[in-house]
């Protein structure tokens, strides 16, 4: 398994991690047993980076991941997040970065995960009502207490990242990044690189759209969150489907799948980038990891730039972009 370093002074981990969100929430039905088998298969194949969050489920994904890892917990780097508030019914209640909330969330996550420490603890979203210095200060206290090893941010703007790093070293910044979400290239990636922060790319397959498997909105379950995503709706869907068709043509010409082409592109954008495609199926996991053996020529990279320039996707990334620090 190819490895990459988590930030300037962090450990080396698998070049592709496993996002576990879809095992418990947002993308339709659940299959706990297949999800556990997928985590076990990831371990067998050398994946050492697993990503979850307290709100996935809500709360059930951390339990699932902790249960699946079991005695092999010490072999991997386990990441989880706090900051988006949901109740037991799943209702979203806002963003909270207050110091007392940070610490209570950490204790609850440790219990659900069945571990004595979290390797990488992210603020899931920036709380506009709480100075980032206060939130990071509380997270730094968790490091001092031995409950957390490394700190991270998710969907934070360059200025916020700089302020956070002035309080405590930040190991990773997690943000959506793929062939149809290239906005980080303008300012965010240069910032993380200046600071020696790893860039963890979530949704590197465009929430499944770039796989080519979604040809109609009816391909998604009725309770799938993506039905409310602007890029999956109406005219946006049809415009984005044309983009996927061009990617599929290039993938076929190279003898790889669209999944592998899209992931190989993300991997090729820099050794500091660690994609975490999410799946609950072993077959998809194995396909994802096949991207590690694919090299893209300068000509192929040029074609991809032409097909997928910055801003090519039709529609916003989220229904409510106020939840992202810009």
C-alpha atoms as a PDB file:
ATOM      1  CA  UNK A   1       0.000   0.000   0.000  1.00  0.00           C
ATOM      2  CA  UNK A   2       1.323   3.411  -0.987  1.00  0.00           C
ATOM      3  CA  UNK A   3       1.622   5.753   1.993  1.00  0.00           C
ATOM      4  CA  UNK A   4       1.472   9.494   2.509  1.00  0.00           C
ATOM      5  CA  UNK A   5       2.315  11.609   5.535  1.00  0.00           C
ATOM      6  CA  UNK A   6      -0.355  13.295   7.618  1.00  0.00           C
ATOM      7  CA  UNK A   7       0.976  16.832   7.683  1.00  0.00           C
ATOM      8  CA  UNK A   8       4.503  17.994   8.375  1.00  0.00           C
ATOM      9  CA  UNK A   9       5.250  15.825  11.402  1.00  0.00           C
ATOM     10  CA  UNK A  10       2.440  13.293  11.459  1.00  0.00           C
ATOM     11  CA  UNK A  11       2.493   9.548  10.828  1.00  0.00           C
ATOM     12  CA  UNK A  12       2.531   7.859   7.440  1.00  0.00           C
ATOM     13  CA  UNK A  13      -0.849   6.421   6.475  1.00  0.00           C
ATOM     14  CA  UNK A  14      -2.393   4.729   3.461  1.00  0.00           C
ATOM     15  CA  UNK A  15      -2.577   7.003   0.420  1.00  0.00           C
ATOM     16  CA  UNK A  16      -6.315   6.305   0.195  1.00  0.00           C
ATOM     17  CA  UNK A  17      -8.462   6.262   3.318  1.00  0.00           C
ATOM     18  CA  UNK A  18     -11.984   4.970   3.852  1.00  0.00           C
ATOM     19  CA  UNK A  19     -14.847   7.371   4.447  1.00  0.00           C
ATOM     20  CA  UNK A  20     -17.448   5.599   6.555  1.00  0.00           C
ATOM     21  CA  UNK A  21     -20.352   8.063   6.463  1.00  0.00           C
ATOM     22  CA  UNK A  22     -22.464   6.211   3.880  1.00  0.00           C
ATOM     23  CA  UNK A  23     -22.441   3.086   6.027  1.00  0.00           C
ATOM     24  CA  UNK A  24     -24.872   4.758   8.416  1.00  0.00           C
ATOM     25  CA  UNK A  25     -26.475   7.838   6.888  1.00  0.00           C
ATOM     26  CA  UNK A  26     -27.405  10.113   3.993  1.00  0.00           C
ATOM     27  CA  UNK A  27     -27.136   7.688   1.059  1.00  0.00           C
ATOM     28  CA  UNK A  28     -30.098   5.383   1.514  1.00  0.00           C
ATOM     29  CA  UNK A  29     -30.387   1.983   3.170  1.00  0.00           C
ATOM     30  CA  UNK A  30     -27.876   0.529   5.620  1.00  0.00           C
ATOM     31  CA  UNK A  31     -26.264  -2.898   5.801  1.00  0.00           C
ATOM     32  CA  UNK A  32     -24.245  -3.138   8.981  1.00  0.00           C
ATOM     33  CA  UNK A  33     -22.821  -6.575   8.288  1.00  0.00           C
ATOM     34  CA  UNK A  34     -21.593  -5.673   4.796  1.00  0.00           C
ATOM     35  CA  UNK A  35     -20.209  -2.410   6.179  1.00  0.00           C
ATOM     36  CA  UNK A  36     -18.221  -4.310   8.794  1.00  0.00           C
ATOM     37  CA  UNK A  37     -16.987  -6.725   6.134  1.00  0.00           C
ATOM     38  CA  UNK A  38     -15.925  -3.730   4.039  1.00  0.00           C
ATOM     39  CA  UNK A  39     -13.920  -2.275   6.938  1.00  0.00           C
ATOM     40  CA  UNK A  40     -12.291  -5.666   7.509  1.00  0.00           C
ATOM     41  CA  UNK A  41     -11.452  -5.937   3.816  1.00  0.00           C
ATOM     42  CA  UNK A  42      -9.942  -2.460   3.899  1.00  0.00           C
ATOM     43  CA  UNK A  43      -7.686  -3.568   6.739  1.00  0.00           C
ATOM     44  CA  UNK A  44      -6.663  -6.663   4.766  1.00  0.00           C
ATOM     45  CA  UNK A  45      -5.732  -4.496   1.777  1.00  0.00           C
ATOM     46  CA  UNK A  46      -3.590  -2.141   3.847  1.00  0.00           C
ATOM     47  CA  UNK A  47      -5.914   0.799   4.442  1.00  0.00           C
ATOM     48  CA  UNK A  48      -4.837   2.492   7.672  1.00  0.00           C
ATOM     49  CA  UNK A  49      -6.935   5.676   7.629  1.00  0.00           C
ATOM     50  CA  UNK A  50     -10.610   5.581   8.608  1.00  0.00           C
ATOM     51  CA  UNK A  51     -12.916   8.605   8.779  1.00  0.00           C
ATOM     52  CA  UNK A  52     -16.170   9.015  10.709  1.00  0.00           C
ATOM     53  CA  UNK A  53     -18.039  11.761  12.645  1.00  0.00           C
ATOM     54  CA  UNK A  54     -20.396  12.035  15.581  1.00  0.00           C
ATOM     55  CA  UNK A  55     -23.317  13.182  13.411  1.00  0.00           C
ATOM     56  CA  UNK A  56     -23.234  10.213  11.035  1.00  0.00           C
ATOM     57  CA  UNK A  57     -26.252   8.127  11.971  1.00  0.00           C
ATOM     58  CA  UNK A  58     -26.498  10.266  14.021  1.00  0.00           C
ATOM     59  CA  UNK A  59     -24.053   8.747  16.528  1.00  0.00           C
ATOM     60  CA  UNK A  60     -24.325   5.193  15.178  1.00  0.00           C
ATOM     61  CA  UNK A  61     -21.431   5.337  12.702  1.00  0.00           C
ATOM     62  CA  UNK A  62     -18.831   5.810  15.414  1.00  0.00           C
ATOM     63  CA  UNK A  63     -20.183   2.732  17.194  1.00  0.00           C
ATOM     64  CA  UNK A  64     -20.092   0.749  13.950  1.00  0.00           C
ATOM     65  CA  UNK A  65     -16.517   1.766  13.148  1.00  0.00           C
ATOM     66  CA  UNK A  66     -15.341   1.080  16.683  1.00  0.00           C
ATOM     67  CA  UNK A  67     -16.981  -2.341  16.646  1.00  0.00           C
ATOM     68  CA  UNK A  68     -15.514  -3.248  13.254  1.00  0.00           C
ATOM     69  CA  UNK A  69     -11.971  -2.200  14.126  1.00  0.00           C
ATOM     70  CA  UNK A  70     -11.975  -4.092  17.391  1.00  0.00           C
ATOM     71  CA  UNK A  71      -8.525  -5.299  18.399  1.00  0.00           C
ATOM     72  CA  UNK A  72      -6.970  -3.826  15.251  1.00  0.00           C
ATOM     73  CA  UNK A  73      -7.678  -0.289  16.412  1.00  0.00           C
ATOM     74  CA  UNK A  74      -3.999   0.327  17.225  1.00  0.00           C
ATOM     75  CA  UNK A  75      -2.951  -0.460  13.651  1.00  0.00           C
ATOM     76  CA  UNK A  76      -4.771   2.473  12.081  1.00  0.00           C
ATOM     77  CA  UNK A  77      -5.268   6.219  12.226  1.00  0.00           C
ATOM     78  CA  UNK A  78      -8.821   6.925  13.320  1.00  0.00           C
ATOM     79  CA  UNK A  79     -10.409  10.284  12.548  1.00  0.00           C
ATOM     80  CA  UNK A  80     -13.700  11.674  13.783  1.00  0.00           C
ATOM     81  CA  UNK A  81     -15.355  15.077  13.914  1.00  0.00           C
ATOM     82  CA  UNK A  82     -17.502  17.363  16.052  1.00  0.00           C
ATOM     83  CA  UNK A  83     -19.217  20.676  15.510  1.00  0.00           C
ATOM     84  CA  UNK A  84     -22.382  19.993  13.519  1.00  0.00           C
ATOM     85  CA  UNK A  85     -25.147  19.476  16.049  1.00  0.00           C
ATOM     86  CA  UNK A  86     -27.880  16.854  15.553  1.00  0.00           C
ATOM     87  CA  UNK A  87     -30.316  15.336  18.002  1.00  0.00           C
ATOM     88  CA  UNK A  88     -31.258  11.670  18.303  1.00  0.00           C
ATOM     89  CA  UNK A  89     -34.016  12.089  15.712  1.00  0.00           C
ATOM     90  CA  UNK A  90     -31.465  13.312  13.171  1.00  0.00           C
ATOM     91  CA  UNK A  91     -32.615  16.938  13.121  1.00  0.00           C
ATOM     92  CA  UNK A  92     -29.863  19.484  12.450  1.00  0.00           C
ATOM     93  CA  UNK A  93     -29.600  22.056  15.221  1.00  0.00           C
ATOM     94  CA  UNK A  94     -26.731  24.235  14.049  1.00  0.00           C
ATOM     95  CA  UNK A  95     -22.973  24.582  14.492  1.00  0.00           C
ATOM     96  CA  UNK A  96     -21.215  24.672  17.861  1.00  0.00           C
ATOM     97  CA  UNK A  97     -17.526  25.329  18.461  1.00  0.00           C
ATOM     98  CA  UNK A  98     -17.708  26.477  22.075  1.00  0.00           C
ATOM     99  CA  UNK A  99     -14.922  25.039  24.257  1.00  0.00           C
ATOM    100  CA  UNK A 100     -17.245  23.183  26.624  1.00  0.00           C
ATOM    101  CA  UNK A 101     -19.046  21.593  23.676  1.00  0.00           C
ATOM    102  CA  UNK A 102     -15.748  20.515  22.090  1.00  0.00           C
ATOM    103  CA  UNK A 103     -14.751  18.632  25.223  1.00  0.00           C
ATOM    104  CA  UNK A 104     -18.108  17.000  25.833  1.00  0.00           C
ATOM    105  CA  UNK A 105     -18.225  15.804  22.212  1.00  0.00           C
ATOM    106  CA  UNK A 106     -14.769  14.292  22.492  1.00  0.00           C
ATOM    107  CA  UNK A 107     -15.699  12.292  25.584  1.00  0.00           C
ATOM    108  CA  UNK A 108     -18.877  11.036  23.910  1.00  0.00           C
ATOM    109  CA  UNK A 109     -16.988  10.019  20.759  1.00  0.00           C
ATOM    110  CA  UNK A 110     -14.345   8.174  22.747  1.00  0.00           C
ATOM    111  CA  UNK A 111     -17.062   6.155  24.435  1.00  0.00           C
ATOM    112  CA  UNK A 112     -18.864   5.311  21.196  1.00  0.00           C
ATOM    113  CA  UNK A 113     -15.647   4.384  19.422  1.00  0.00           C
ATOM    114  CA  UNK A 114     -14.509   2.238  22.315  1.00  0.00           C
ATOM    115  CA  UNK A 115     -11.046   3.786  22.407  1.00  0.00           C
ATOM    116  CA  UNK A 116      -8.936   5.837  24.792  1.00  0.00           C
ATOM    117  CA  UNK A 117      -7.810   8.361  22.183  1.00  0.00           C
ATOM    118  CA  UNK A 118      -8.757   9.854  18.814  1.00  0.00           C
ATOM    119  CA  UNK A 119      -5.871  10.050  16.366  1.00  0.00           C
ATOM    120  CA  UNK A 120      -7.226  12.947  14.306  1.00  0.00           C
ATOM    121  CA  UNK A 121      -9.977  15.182  15.682  1.00  0.00           C
ATOM    122  CA  UNK A 122     -11.625  17.602  13.265  1.00  0.00           C
ATOM    123  CA  UNK A 123     -13.842  20.579  13.771  1.00  0.00           C
ATOM    124  CA  UNK A 124     -16.501  19.495  11.271  1.00  0.00           C
ATOM    125  CA  UNK A 125     -17.650  23.026  10.447  1.00  0.00           C
ATOM    126  CA  UNK A 126     -16.450  26.419  11.622  1.00  0.00           C
ATOM    127  CA  UNK A 127     -18.743  28.072  14.142  1.00  0.00           C
ATOM    128  CA  UNK A 128     -19.139  31.720  13.080  1.00  0.00           C
ATOM    129  CA  UNK A 129     -20.260  32.648  16.605  1.00  0.00           C
ATOM    130  CA  UNK A 130     -17.164  31.280  18.356  1.00  0.00           C
ATOM    131  CA  UNK A 131     -13.649  32.604  17.635  1.00  0.00           C
ATOM    132  CA  UNK A 132     -11.609  29.850  16.017  1.00  0.00           C
ATOM    133  CA  UNK A 133      -8.846  30.521  18.540  1.00  0.00           C
ATOM    134  CA  UNK A 134     -11.170  29.475  21.367  1.00  0.00           C
ATOM    135  CA  UNK A 135     -12.253  26.292  19.614  1.00  0.00           C
ATOM    136  CA  UNK A 136      -8.692  25.281  18.746  1.00  0.00           C
ATOM    137  CA  UNK A 137      -7.581  26.142  22.266  1.00  0.00           C
ATOM    138  CA  UNK A 138     -10.082  23.627  23.642  1.00  0.00           C
ATOM    139  CA  UNK A 139      -8.980  21.040  21.094  1.00  0.00           C
ATOM    140  CA  UNK A 140      -5.354  21.649  22.101  1.00  0.00           C
ATOM    141  CA  UNK A 141      -6.325  20.917  25.693  1.00  0.00           C
ATOM    142  CA  UNK A 142      -7.536  17.500  24.513  1.00  0.00           C
ATOM    143  CA  UNK A 143      -4.099  16.851  23.039  1.00  0.00           C
ATOM    144  CA  UNK A 144      -2.475  17.780  26.352  1.00  0.00           C
ATOM    145  CA  UNK A 145      -4.854  15.423  28.153  1.00  0.00           C
ATOM    146  CA  UNK A 146      -3.928  12.558  25.818  1.00  0.00           C
ATOM    147  CA  UNK A 147      -7.437  12.188  24.416  1.00  0.00           C
ATOM    148  CA  UNK A 148      -6.455  13.406  20.942  1.00  0.00           C
ATOM    149  CA  UNK A 149      -3.198  13.115  18.965  1.00  0.00           C
ATOM    150  CA  UNK A 150      -3.645  15.479  16.008  1.00  0.00           C
ATOM    151  CA  UNK A 151      -6.003  18.318  15.156  1.00  0.00           C
ATOM    152  CA  UNK A 152      -7.868  18.985  11.940  1.00  0.00           C
ATOM    153  CA  UNK A 153     -10.382  21.327  10.337  1.00  0.00           C
ATOM    154  CA  UNK A 154     -13.092  20.625   7.791  1.00  0.00           C
ATOM    155  CA  UNK A 155     -14.387  23.106   5.188  1.00  0.00           C
ATOM    156  CA  UNK A 156     -12.403  25.988   6.694  1.00  0.00           C
ATOM    157  CA  UNK A 157     -11.333  29.047   4.704  1.00  0.00           C
ATOM    158  CA  UNK A 158      -7.628  29.933   4.270  1.00  0.00           C
ATOM    159  CA  UNK A 159      -7.762  32.747   6.822  1.00  0.00           C
ATOM    160  CA  UNK A 160      -9.404  30.484   9.384  1.00  0.00           C
ATOM    161  CA  UNK A 161      -6.780  27.807   8.790  1.00  0.00           C
ATOM    162  CA  UNK A 162      -4.005  30.322   9.394  1.00  0.00           C
ATOM    163  CA  UNK A 163      -5.575  31.553  12.624  1.00  0.00           C
ATOM    164  CA  UNK A 164      -6.085  27.990  13.844  1.00  0.00           C
ATOM    165  CA  UNK A 165      -2.490  27.056  13.056  1.00  0.00           C
ATOM    166  CA  UNK A 166      -1.259  30.034  15.084  1.00  0.00           C
ATOM    167  CA  UNK A 167      -2.833  28.466  18.189  1.00  0.00           C
ATOM    168  CA  UNK A 168      -1.831  24.826  17.667  1.00  0.00           C
ATOM    169  CA  UNK A 169      -0.354  22.797  14.793  1.00  0.00           C
ATOM    170  CA  UNK A 170      -3.025  21.594  12.376  1.00  0.00           C
ATOM    171  CA  UNK A 171      -2.283  18.203  10.814  1.00  0.00           C
ATOM    172  CA  UNK A 172      -5.061  18.037   8.234  1.00  0.00           C
ATOM    173  CA  UNK A 173      -7.655  20.098   6.431  1.00  0.00           C
ATOM    174  CA  UNK A 174     -10.588  18.111   5.054  1.00  0.00           C
ATOM    175  CA  UNK A 175     -12.554  19.591   2.181  1.00  0.00           C
ATOM    176  CA  UNK A 176     -14.497  18.355  -0.828  1.00  0.00           C
ATOM    177  CA  UNK A 177     -12.121  17.984  -3.771  1.00  0.00           C
ATOM    178  CA  UNK A 178     -12.633  16.196  -7.069  1.00  0.00           C
ATOM    179  CA  UNK A 179     -12.719  16.758 -10.797  1.00  0.00           C
ATOM    180  CA  UNK A 180     -15.974  18.672 -10.375  1.00  0.00           C
ATOM    181  CA  UNK A 181     -14.996  20.486  -7.140  1.00  0.00           C
ATOM    182  CA  UNK A 182     -11.650  22.151  -7.812  1.00  0.00           C
ATOM    183  CA  UNK A 183     -12.181  25.410  -5.908  1.00  0.00           C
ATOM    184  CA  UNK A 184      -9.519  24.557  -3.271  1.00  0.00           C
ATOM    185  CA  UNK A 185      -6.812  24.981  -5.894  1.00  0.00           C
ATOM    186  CA  UNK A 186      -7.125  28.778  -5.861  1.00  0.00           C
ATOM    187  CA  UNK A 187      -6.212  29.587  -2.260  1.00  0.00           C
ATOM    188  CA  UNK A 188      -6.860  26.694   0.100  1.00  0.00           C
ATOM    189  CA  UNK A 189      -4.295  24.224  -1.238  1.00  0.00           C
ATOM    190  CA  UNK A 190      -1.561  26.903  -1.398  1.00  0.00           C
ATOM    191  CA  UNK A 191      -2.357  27.757   2.246  1.00  0.00           C
ATOM    192  CA  UNK A 192      -2.191  24.179   3.501  1.00  0.00           C
ATOM    193  CA  UNK A 193       1.035  23.631   1.594  1.00  0.00           C
ATOM    194  CA  UNK A 194       2.628  26.750   3.041  1.00  0.00           C
ATOM    195  CA  UNK A 195       1.728  25.514   6.525  1.00  0.00           C
ATOM    196  CA  UNK A 196       2.649  21.859   5.987  1.00  0.00           C
ATOM    197  CA  UNK A 197      -0.926  20.658   6.458  1.00  0.00           C
ATOM    198  CA  UNK A 198      -2.207  17.493   4.764  1.00  0.00           C
ATOM    199  CA  UNK A 199      -5.218  17.931   2.493  1.00  0.00           C
ATOM    200  CA  UNK A 200      -7.841  15.213   3.003  1.00  0.00           C
ATOM    201  CA  UNK A 201     -10.153  15.112  -0.012  1.00  0.00           C
ATOM    202  CA  UNK A 202     -13.654  13.963   0.799  1.00  0.00           C
ATOM    203  CA  UNK A 203     -16.202  13.114  -1.908  1.00  0.00           C
ATOM    204  CA  UNK A 204     -13.391  12.591  -4.465  1.00  0.00           C
ATOM    205  CA  UNK A 205     -15.955  10.841  -6.693  1.00  0.00           C
ATOM    206  CA  UNK A 206     -18.433  13.720  -6.629  1.00  0.00           C
ATOM    207  CA  UNK A 207     -20.763  11.961  -4.177  1.00  0.00           C
ATOM    208  CA  UNK A 208     -20.926   9.056  -6.597  1.00  0.00           C
ATOM    209  CA  UNK A 209     -21.868  11.137  -9.632  1.00  0.00           C
ATOM    210  CA  UNK A 210     -18.447  10.801 -11.281  1.00  0.00           C
ATOM    211  CA  UNK A 211     -18.674   7.003 -11.173  1.00  0.00           C
ATOM    212  CA  UNK A 212     -21.162   7.014 -14.044  1.00  0.00           C
ATOM    213  CA  UNK A 213     -23.479   4.728 -12.096  1.00  0.00           C
ATOM    214  CA  UNK A 214     -26.094   7.458 -11.570  1.00  0.00           C
ATOM    215  CA  UNK A 215     -27.851   8.099 -14.870  1.00  0.00           C
ATOM    216  CA  UNK A 216     -31.151   9.354 -13.462  1.00  0.00           C
ATOM    217  CA  UNK A 217     -32.353  10.833 -10.192  1.00  0.00           C
ATOM    218  CA  UNK A 218     -34.473   7.684  -9.944  1.00  0.00           C
ATOM    219  CA  UNK A 219     -31.255   5.707  -9.461  1.00  0.00           C
ATOM    220  CA  UNK A 220     -31.134   7.190  -5.949  1.00  0.00           C
ATOM    221  CA  UNK A 221     -33.271   5.854  -3.075  1.00  0.00           C
ATOM    222  CA  UNK A 222     -36.147   8.072  -1.976  1.00  0.00           C
ATOM    223  CA  UNK A 223     -34.425   8.809   1.345  1.00  0.00           C
ATOM    224  CA  UNK A 224     -31.055   9.621  -0.257  1.00  0.00           C
ATOM    225  CA  UNK A 225     -29.769  13.077   0.765  1.00  0.00           C
ATOM    226  CA  UNK A 226     -28.347  13.655  -2.708  1.00  0.00           C
ATOM    227  CA  UNK A 227     -31.869  14.215  -4.031  1.00  0.00           C
ATOM    228  CA  UNK A 228     -31.733  17.609  -2.267  1.00  0.00           C
ATOM    229  CA  UNK A 229     -28.257  18.456  -3.562  1.00  0.00           C
ATOM    230  CA  UNK A 230     -28.308  21.157  -6.262  1.00  0.00           C
ATOM    231  CA  UNK A 231     -25.912  19.245  -8.517  1.00  0.00           C
ATOM    232  CA  UNK A 232     -28.321  16.308  -8.653  1.00  0.00           C
ATOM    233  CA  UNK A 233     -31.396  18.341  -9.546  1.00  0.00           C
ATOM    234  CA  UNK A 234     -33.136  19.329 -12.773  1.00  0.00           C
ATOM    235  CA  UNK A 235     -31.071  20.938 -15.492  1.00  0.00           C
ATOM    236  CA  UNK A 236     -27.945  20.764 -13.308  1.00  0.00           C
ATOM    237  CA  UNK A 237     -28.211  16.973 -13.297  1.00  0.00           C
ATOM    238  CA  UNK A 238     -28.358  16.802 -17.088  1.00  0.00           C
ATOM    239  CA  UNK A 239     -25.447  19.202 -17.570  1.00  0.00           C
ATOM    240  CA  UNK A 240     -23.320  17.268 -15.086  1.00  0.00           C
ATOM    241  CA  UNK A 241     -24.240  13.990 -16.766  1.00  0.00           C
ATOM    242  CA  UNK A 242     -22.685  15.298 -19.993  1.00  0.00           C
ATOM    243  CA  UNK A 243     -19.489  15.898 -18.053  1.00  0.00           C
ATOM    244  CA  UNK A 244     -19.532  12.336 -16.722  1.00  0.00           C
ATOM    245  CA  UNK A 245     -20.051  10.926 -20.211  1.00  0.00           C
ATOM    246  CA  UNK A 246     -16.835  12.615 -21.376  1.00  0.00           C
ATOM    247  CA  UNK A 247     -14.953  11.220 -18.375  1.00  0.00           C
ATOM    248  CA  UNK A 248     -16.316   7.758 -19.091  1.00  0.00           C
ATOM    249  CA  UNK A 249     -15.073   7.953 -22.681  1.00  0.00           C
ATOM    250  CA  UNK A 250     -11.574   8.828 -21.503  1.00  0.00           C
ATOM    251  CA  UNK A 251     -11.654   6.040 -18.898  1.00  0.00           C
ATOM    252  CA  UNK A 252     -12.683   3.462 -21.507  1.00  0.00           C
ATOM    253  CA  UNK A 253      -9.906   4.596 -23.816  1.00  0.00           C
ATOM    254  CA  UNK A 254      -7.388   4.044 -21.008  1.00  0.00           C
ATOM    255  CA  UNK A 255      -8.865   0.692 -19.993  1.00  0.00           C
ATOM    256  CA  UNK A 256      -9.840   1.767 -16.470  1.00  0.00           C
ATOM    257  CA  UNK A 257     -13.110   2.586 -14.771  1.00  0.00           C
ATOM    258  CA  UNK A 258     -14.451   6.111 -14.318  1.00  0.00           C
ATOM    259  CA  UNK A 259     -13.991   5.628 -10.582  1.00  0.00           C
ATOM    260  CA  UNK A 260     -10.318   4.808 -10.969  1.00  0.00           C
ATOM    261  CA  UNK A 261      -9.711   7.655 -13.398  1.00  0.00           C
ATOM    262  CA  UNK A 262     -11.284  10.218 -11.049  1.00  0.00           C
ATOM    263  CA  UNK A 263      -9.360   8.935  -8.037  1.00  0.00           C
ATOM    264  CA  UNK A 264      -6.085   8.699  -9.927  1.00  0.00           C
ATOM    265  CA  UNK A 265      -6.508  12.361 -10.862  1.00  0.00           C
ATOM    266  CA  UNK A 266      -6.972  13.383  -7.204  1.00  0.00           C
ATOM    267  CA  UNK A 267      -3.980  11.290  -6.127  1.00  0.00           C
ATOM    268  CA  UNK A 268      -1.901  12.891  -8.858  1.00  0.00           C
ATOM    269  CA  UNK A 269      -2.529  16.455  -7.669  1.00  0.00           C
ATOM    270  CA  UNK A 270       0.112  16.173  -4.946  1.00  0.00           C
ATOM    271  CA  UNK A 271       1.630  13.843  -2.391  1.00  0.00           C
ATOM    272  CA  UNK A 272       0.044  15.889   0.376  1.00  0.00           C
ATOM    273  CA  UNK A 273      -3.486  14.970  -0.803  1.00  0.00           C
ATOM    274  CA  UNK A 274      -5.207  11.941   0.743  1.00  0.00           C
ATOM    275  CA  UNK A 275      -8.593  11.047  -0.761  1.00  0.00           C
ATOM    276  CA  UNK A 276     -11.164   9.250   1.392  1.00  0.00           C
ATOM    277  CA  UNK A 277     -13.771   7.788  -0.961  1.00  0.00           C
ATOM    278  CA  UNK A 278     -16.732   6.403   0.942  1.00  0.00           C
ATOM    279  CA  UNK A 279     -18.424   3.072   0.410  1.00  0.00           C
ATOM    280  CA  UNK A 280     -20.187   0.334   2.289  1.00  0.00           C
ATOM    281  CA  UNK A 281     -19.429  -2.377  -0.283  1.00  0.00           C
ATOM    282  CA  UNK A 282     -16.278  -4.467  -0.629  1.00  0.00           C
ATOM    283  CA  UNK A 283     -16.397  -4.524  -4.419  1.00  0.00           C
ATOM    284  CA  UNK A 284     -16.440  -0.726  -4.598  1.00  0.00           C
ATOM    285  CA  UNK A 285     -13.600  -0.505  -2.080  1.00  0.00           C
ATOM    286  CA  UNK A 286     -11.460  -2.809  -4.202  1.00  0.00           C
ATOM    287  CA  UNK A 287     -12.231  -0.773  -7.303  1.00  0.00           C
ATOM    288  CA  UNK A 288     -11.259   2.432  -5.476  1.00  0.00           C
ATOM    289  CA  UNK A 289      -7.906   1.043  -4.393  1.00  0.00           C
ATOM    290  CA  UNK A 290      -7.175   0.026  -7.986  1.00  0.00           C
ATOM    291  CA  UNK A 291      -6.587   3.727  -8.676  1.00  0.00           C
ATOM    292  CA  UNK A 292      -3.265   3.498  -6.860  1.00  0.00           C
ATOM    293  CA  UNK A 293      -1.720   1.566  -9.752  1.00  0.00           C
ATOM    294  CA  UNK A 294      -2.836   4.032 -12.436  1.00  0.00           C
ATOM    295  CA  UNK A 295      -0.510   6.662 -13.846  1.00  0.00           C
ATOM    296  CA  UNK A 296      -1.862   9.533 -15.911  1.00  0.00           C
ATOM    297  CA  UNK A 297       0.238  10.936 -18.736  1.00  0.00           C
ATOM    298  CA  UNK A 298       0.672  14.646 -19.338  1.00  0.00           C
ATOM    299  CA  UNK A 299      -1.648  14.295 -22.310  1.00  0.00           C
ATOM    300  CA  UNK A 300      -4.333  12.612 -20.217  1.00  0.00           C
ATOM    301  CA  UNK A 301      -4.010  15.227 -17.499  1.00  0.00           C
ATOM    302  CA  UNK A 302      -4.410  17.881 -20.150  1.00  0.00           C
ATOM    303  CA  UNK A 303      -7.580  16.227 -21.440  1.00  0.00           C
ATOM    304  CA  UNK A 304      -8.991  16.088 -17.928  1.00  0.00           C
ATOM    305  CA  UNK A 305      -8.248  19.776 -17.429  1.00  0.00           C
ATOM    306  CA  UNK A 306     -10.148  20.540 -20.608  1.00  0.00           C
ATOM    307  CA  UNK A 307     -13.109  18.370 -19.628  1.00  0.00           C
ATOM    308  CA  UNK A 308     -13.194  19.503 -15.991  1.00  0.00           C
ATOM    309  CA  UNK A 309     -11.859  23.039 -15.565  1.00  0.00           C
ATOM    310  CA  UNK A 310     -12.420  24.839 -12.271  1.00  0.00           C
ATOM    311  CA  UNK A 311     -16.102  25.693 -11.878  1.00  0.00           C
ATOM    312  CA  UNK A 312     -17.364  23.226 -14.485  1.00  0.00           C
ATOM    313  CA  UNK A 313     -20.007  21.577 -12.312  1.00  0.00           C
ATOM    314  CA  UNK A 314     -23.539  22.924 -12.562  1.00  0.00           C
ATOM    315  CA  UNK A 315     -25.020  23.795  -9.168  1.00  0.00           C
ATOM    316  CA  UNK A 316     -23.713  24.536  -5.694  1.00  0.00           C
ATOM    317  CA  UNK A 317     -22.022  21.829  -3.624  1.00  0.00           C
ATOM    318  CA  UNK A 318     -24.626  22.109  -0.855  1.00  0.00           C
ATOM    319  CA  UNK A 319     -28.221  23.325  -0.661  1.00  0.00           C
ATOM    320  CA  UNK A 320     -27.078  25.849   1.959  1.00  0.00           C
ATOM    321  CA  UNK A 321     -23.549  27.109   1.374  1.00  0.00           C
ATOM    322  CA  UNK A 322     -23.708  29.248   4.516  1.00  0.00           C
ATOM    323  CA  UNK A 323     -22.627  26.081   6.346  1.00  0.00           C
ATOM    324  CA  UNK A 324     -19.228  26.297   4.651  1.00  0.00           C
ATOM    325  CA  UNK A 325     -16.548  28.765   5.790  1.00  0.00           C
ATOM    326  CA  UNK A 326     -15.639  30.775   2.698  1.00  0.00           C
END
